[in-house]
C-alpha atoms as a PDB file:
ATOM      1  CA  MET A   1       2.449 -24.191  -5.405  1.00  0.00           C
ATOM      2  CA  ARG A   2       2.854 -25.242  -9.110  1.00  0.00           C
ATOM      3  CA  ASP A   3       4.878 -21.983  -9.915  1.00  0.00           C
ATOM      4  CA  ALA A   4       6.843 -22.086  -6.861  1.00  0.00           C
ATOM      5  CA  GLY A   5       9.740 -23.899  -8.333  1.00  0.00           C
ATOM      6  CA  LYS A   6       9.805 -22.587 -11.679  1.00  0.00           C
ATOM      7  CA  PRO A   7      13.221 -20.570 -12.533  1.00  0.00           C
ATOM      8  CA  ILE A   8      12.754 -16.862 -13.007  1.00  0.00           C
ATOM      9  CA  VAL A   9      15.010 -16.012 -16.214  1.00  0.00           C
ATOM     10  CA  PRO A  10      15.076 -12.812 -18.069  1.00  0.00           C
ATOM     11  CA  PRO A  11      13.085 -12.659 -21.300  1.00  0.00           C
ATOM     12  CA  PRO A  12      15.276 -13.374 -24.483  1.00  0.00           C
ATOM     13  CA  HIS A  13      14.257 -10.087 -26.013  1.00  0.00           C
ATOM     14  CA  VAL A  14      15.878  -8.028 -23.066  1.00  0.00           C
ATOM     15  CA  PRO A  15      19.166  -9.759 -23.148  1.00  0.00           C
ATOM     16  CA  LEU A  16      21.293  -9.154 -20.032  1.00  0.00           C
ATOM     17  CA  ASP A  17      25.193  -8.942 -19.566  1.00  0.00           C
ATOM     18  CA  ASN A  18      27.019 -11.059 -16.838  1.00  0.00           C
ATOM     19  CA  GLY A  19      27.014  -7.510 -14.780  1.00  0.00           C
ATOM     20  CA  ASP A  20      23.371  -7.367 -15.062  1.00  0.00           C
ATOM     21  CA  GLN A  21      22.517 -10.844 -13.774  1.00  0.00           C
ATOM     22  CA  PRO A  22      23.216 -10.256 -10.068  1.00  0.00           C
ATOM     23  CA  PHE A  23      21.064  -7.253  -9.991  1.00  0.00           C
ATOM     24  CA  PHE A  24      18.134  -9.396 -11.853  1.00  0.00           C
ATOM     25  CA  ALA A  25      18.512 -12.310  -9.325  1.00  0.00           C
ATOM     26  CA  ASN A  26      17.913  -9.861  -6.615  1.00  0.00           C
ATOM     27  CA  ILE A  27      15.068  -8.077  -8.036  1.00  0.00           C
ATOM     28  CA  VAL A  28      13.243 -11.200  -8.757  1.00  0.00           C
ATOM     29  CA  GLU A  29      13.815 -12.411  -5.191  1.00  0.00           C
ATOM     30  CA  GLU A  30      11.487  -9.256  -4.107  1.00  0.00           C
ATOM     31  CA  PHE A  31       8.187 -11.226  -5.079  1.00  0.00           C
ATOM     32  CA  ALA A  32       7.507 -14.824  -4.751  1.00  0.00           C
ATOM     33  CA  ARG A  33       8.152 -16.597  -8.363  1.00  0.00           C
ATOM     34  CA  ALA A  34       4.322 -17.334  -8.746  1.00  0.00           C
ATOM     35  CA  ASP A  35       3.545 -13.739  -9.113  1.00  0.00           C
ATOM     36  CA  TRP A  36       6.025 -12.567 -11.592  1.00  0.00           C
ATOM     37  CA  THR A  37       4.172 -11.814 -15.231  1.00  0.00           C
ATOM     38  CA  PRO A  38       6.193 -11.663 -18.599  1.00  0.00           C
ATOM     39  CA  HIS A  39       5.763  -8.022 -18.460  1.00  0.00           C
ATOM     40  CA  GLN A  40       7.184  -7.631 -15.020  1.00  0.00           C
ATOM     41  CA  LEU A  41      10.103  -9.845 -15.948  1.00  0.00           C
ATOM     42  CA  GLU A  42      10.627  -7.390 -18.831  1.00  0.00           C
ATOM     43  CA  MET A  43      10.615  -4.444 -16.576  1.00  0.00           C
ATOM     44  CA  ALA A  44      12.705  -6.377 -14.078  1.00  0.00           C
ATOM     45  CA  ALA A  45      15.368  -7.042 -16.787  1.00  0.00           C
ATOM     46  CA  MET A  46      15.456  -3.262 -17.839  1.00  0.00           C
ATOM     47  CA  LEU A  47      15.704  -2.267 -13.932  1.00  0.00           C
ATOM     48  CA  ALA A  48      18.797  -4.733 -13.573  1.00  0.00           C
ATOM     49  CA  ARG A  49      20.425  -3.057 -16.882  1.00  0.00           C
ATOM     50  CA  SER A  50      19.591   0.588 -15.171  1.00  0.00           C
ATOM     51  CA  MET A  51      21.356  -0.802 -11.787  1.00  0.00           C
ATOM     52  CA  HIS A  52      24.505  -2.066 -13.220  1.00  0.00           C
ATOM     53  CA  ASP A  53      24.711   0.889 -15.533  1.00  0.00           C
ATOM     54  CA  PHE A  54      24.182   3.238 -12.415  1.00  0.00           C
ATOM     55  CA  ALA A  55      26.727   1.235 -10.620  1.00  0.00           C
ATOM     56  CA  VAL A  56      29.481   1.548 -13.344  1.00  0.00           C
ATOM     57  CA  GLU A  57      28.749   5.241 -14.094  1.00  0.00           C
ATOM     58  CA  SER A  58      28.976   5.927 -10.466  1.00  0.00           C
ATOM     59  CA  MET A  59      32.309   4.505  -9.948  1.00  0.00           C
ATOM     60  CA  MET A  60      33.637   6.115 -12.765  1.00  0.00           C
ATOM     61  CA  MET A  61      32.288   9.426 -11.553  1.00  0.00           C
ATOM     62  CA  ARG A  62      33.813   8.682  -8.005  1.00  0.00           C
ATOM     63  CA  ASP A  63      37.157   8.105  -9.877  1.00  0.00           C
ATOM     64  CA  GLU A  64      37.016  11.092 -12.147  1.00  0.00           C
ATOM     65  CA  GLY A  65      35.692  13.321  -9.142  1.00  0.00           C
ATOM     66  CA  GLY A  66      32.449  15.963  -9.169  1.00  0.00           C
ATOM     67  CA  VAL A  67      34.436  18.515 -10.745  1.00  0.00           C
ATOM     68  CA  VAL A  68      36.757  18.041 -14.006  1.00  0.00           C
ATOM     69  CA  ALA A  69      38.832  20.058 -16.072  1.00  0.00           C
ATOM     70  CA  GLY A  70      37.254  21.296 -19.224  1.00  0.00           C
ATOM     71  CA  ASP A  71      38.041  23.794 -22.140  1.00  0.00           C
ATOM     72  CA  LYS A  72      36.688  26.865 -19.753  1.00  0.00           C
ATOM     73  CA  GLY A  73      38.585  25.556 -16.565  1.00  0.00           C
ATOM     74  CA  MET A  74      37.054  23.396 -14.002  1.00  0.00           C
ATOM     75  CA  VAL A  75      33.276  22.272 -14.512  1.00  0.00           C
ATOM     76  CA  PRO A  76      31.072  19.878 -13.124  1.00  0.00           C
ATOM     77  CA  ASN A  77      31.474  16.578 -14.347  1.00  0.00           C
ATOM     78  CA  PRO A  78      29.143  15.938 -17.226  1.00  0.00           C
ATOM     79  CA  ARG A  79      28.652  12.118 -16.053  1.00  0.00           C
ATOM     80  CA  LYS A  80      26.771  13.603 -13.005  1.00  0.00           C
ATOM     81  CA  ALA A  81      23.624  14.042 -15.544  1.00  0.00           C
ATOM     82  CA  ILE A  82      24.213  10.355 -16.656  1.00  0.00           C
ATOM     83  CA  VAL A  83      24.431   8.919 -13.138  1.00  0.00           C
ATOM     84  CA  GLN A  84      21.126  10.968 -12.300  1.00  0.00           C
ATOM     85  CA  MET A  85      19.388   9.566 -15.551  1.00  0.00           C
ATOM     86  CA  HIS A  86      20.214   6.097 -14.324  1.00  0.00           C
ATOM     87  CA  SER A  87      18.904   6.739 -10.796  1.00  0.00           C
ATOM     88  CA  ASN A  88      15.703   8.263 -12.121  1.00  0.00           C
ATOM     89  CA  ASN A  89      15.039   5.263 -14.537  1.00  0.00           C
ATOM     90  CA  ILE A  90      15.828   2.952 -11.546  1.00  0.00           C
ATOM     91  CA  VAL A  91      13.127   4.894  -9.375  1.00  0.00           C
ATOM     92  CA  SER A  92      10.671   4.569 -12.461  1.00  0.00           C
ATOM     93  CA  PHE A  93      11.021   1.046 -13.078  1.00  0.00           C
ATOM     94  CA  ARG A  94      10.881   0.157  -9.172  1.00  0.00           C
ATOM     95  CA  ARG A  95       7.349   2.308  -9.449  1.00  0.00           C
ATOM     96  CA  SER A  96       6.181   0.386 -12.246  1.00  0.00           C
ATOM     97  CA  LEU A  97       7.021  -2.947 -10.351  1.00  0.00           C
ATOM     98  CA  ALA A  98       5.190  -1.622  -7.075  1.00  0.00           C
ATOM     99  CA  MET A  99       8.527  -2.234  -5.385  1.00  0.00           C
ATOM    100  CA  HIS A 100       7.939   0.673  -3.158  1.00  0.00           C
ATOM    101  CA  ALA A 101       6.536   0.355   0.554  1.00  0.00           C
ATOM    102  CA  THR A 102       3.218   2.123  -0.147  1.00  0.00           C
ATOM    103  CA  ALA A 103       2.642  -0.423  -2.925  1.00  0.00           C
ATOM    104  CA  LYS A 104       3.364  -3.226  -1.142  1.00  0.00           C
ATOM    105  CA  GLY A 105       1.367  -2.509   2.297  1.00  0.00           C
ATOM    106  CA  LYS A 106       2.537  -2.465   5.745  1.00  0.00           C
ATOM    107  CA  VAL A 107       5.702  -3.652   6.485  1.00  0.00           C
ATOM    108  CA  ASP A 108       4.676  -6.478   8.891  1.00  0.00           C
ATOM    109  CA  ASP A 109       2.362  -7.735   6.314  1.00  0.00           C
ATOM    110  CA  ILE A 110       5.130  -7.704   3.462  1.00  0.00           C
ATOM    111  CA  ALA A 111       7.441  -9.601   5.772  1.00  0.00           C
ATOM    112  CA  LYS A 112       4.964 -12.310   6.598  1.00  0.00           C
ATOM    113  CA  ARG A 113       4.149 -12.587   2.697  1.00  0.00           C
ATOM    114  CA  THR A 114       7.450 -13.037   1.945  1.00  0.00           C
ATOM    115  CA  VAL A 115       8.399 -15.530   4.577  1.00  0.00           C
ATOM    116  CA  MET A 116       5.397 -17.676   3.342  1.00  0.00           C
ATOM    117  CA  ALA A 117       6.308 -17.309  -0.339  1.00  0.00           C
ATOM    118  CA  HIS A 118       9.749 -18.409   0.470  1.00  0.00           C
ATOM    119  CA  GLU A 119       8.628 -21.264   2.524  1.00  0.00           C
ATOM    120  CA  ILE A 120       6.467 -22.492  -0.174  1.00  0.00           C
ATOM    121  CA  GLN A 121       9.291 -22.168  -2.851  1.00  0.00           C
ATOM    122  CA  ALA A 122      11.656 -24.410  -0.743  1.00  0.00           C
ATOM    123  CA  GLN A 123       9.151 -27.015  -0.211  1.00  0.00           C
ATOM    124  CA  SER A 124       8.567 -27.317  -3.956  1.00  0.00           C
ATOM    125  CA  PRO A 125       9.181 -30.938  -5.373  1.00  0.00           C
ATOM    126  CA  PHE A 126      11.026 -29.134  -8.202  1.00  0.00           C
ATOM    127  CA  ASN A 127      13.879 -27.906  -6.094  1.00  0.00           C
ATOM    128  CA  ASP A 128      15.486 -31.670  -5.471  1.00  0.00           C
ATOM    129  CA  GLU A 129      17.040 -31.752  -9.017  1.00  0.00           C
ATOM    130  CA  LEU A 130      15.332 -35.070  -9.501  1.00  0.00           C
ATOM    131  CA  LEU A 131      12.807 -33.875 -12.117  1.00  0.00           C
ATOM    132  CA  ALA A 132      13.999 -32.766 -15.691  1.00  0.00           C
ATOM    133  CA  ARG A 133      13.360 -28.945 -16.431  1.00  0.00           C
ATOM    134  CA  ALA A 134      12.521 -27.568 -19.884  1.00  0.00           C
END
């Protein structure tokens, strides 16, 4: 309960851009605040970066098309390799954080744990903005 109200922020040595922040916020909601370790937050920040980079690169590839003009005529877009690299990174980071179904357990159990954790977080005395934060 003590850590239920603590804010989750990315580690200062893994800086995030403004575009990375929404991804980080969604990632840290996957688990209860009290469950995050410093190393997991590092991994979560790197996952957020990869997810943002994937979104940017895939939109650029969508605009350019899957096939582009090259020196030898039409060729597959080289950006596809970059998009695939980010996709692979995302899967690896998610596995490392155990953010896949088999690592989490049965779906019903996961849902119950998540609801309980969010209820505890909502009941935290630190959510009322009356106490100063560090």
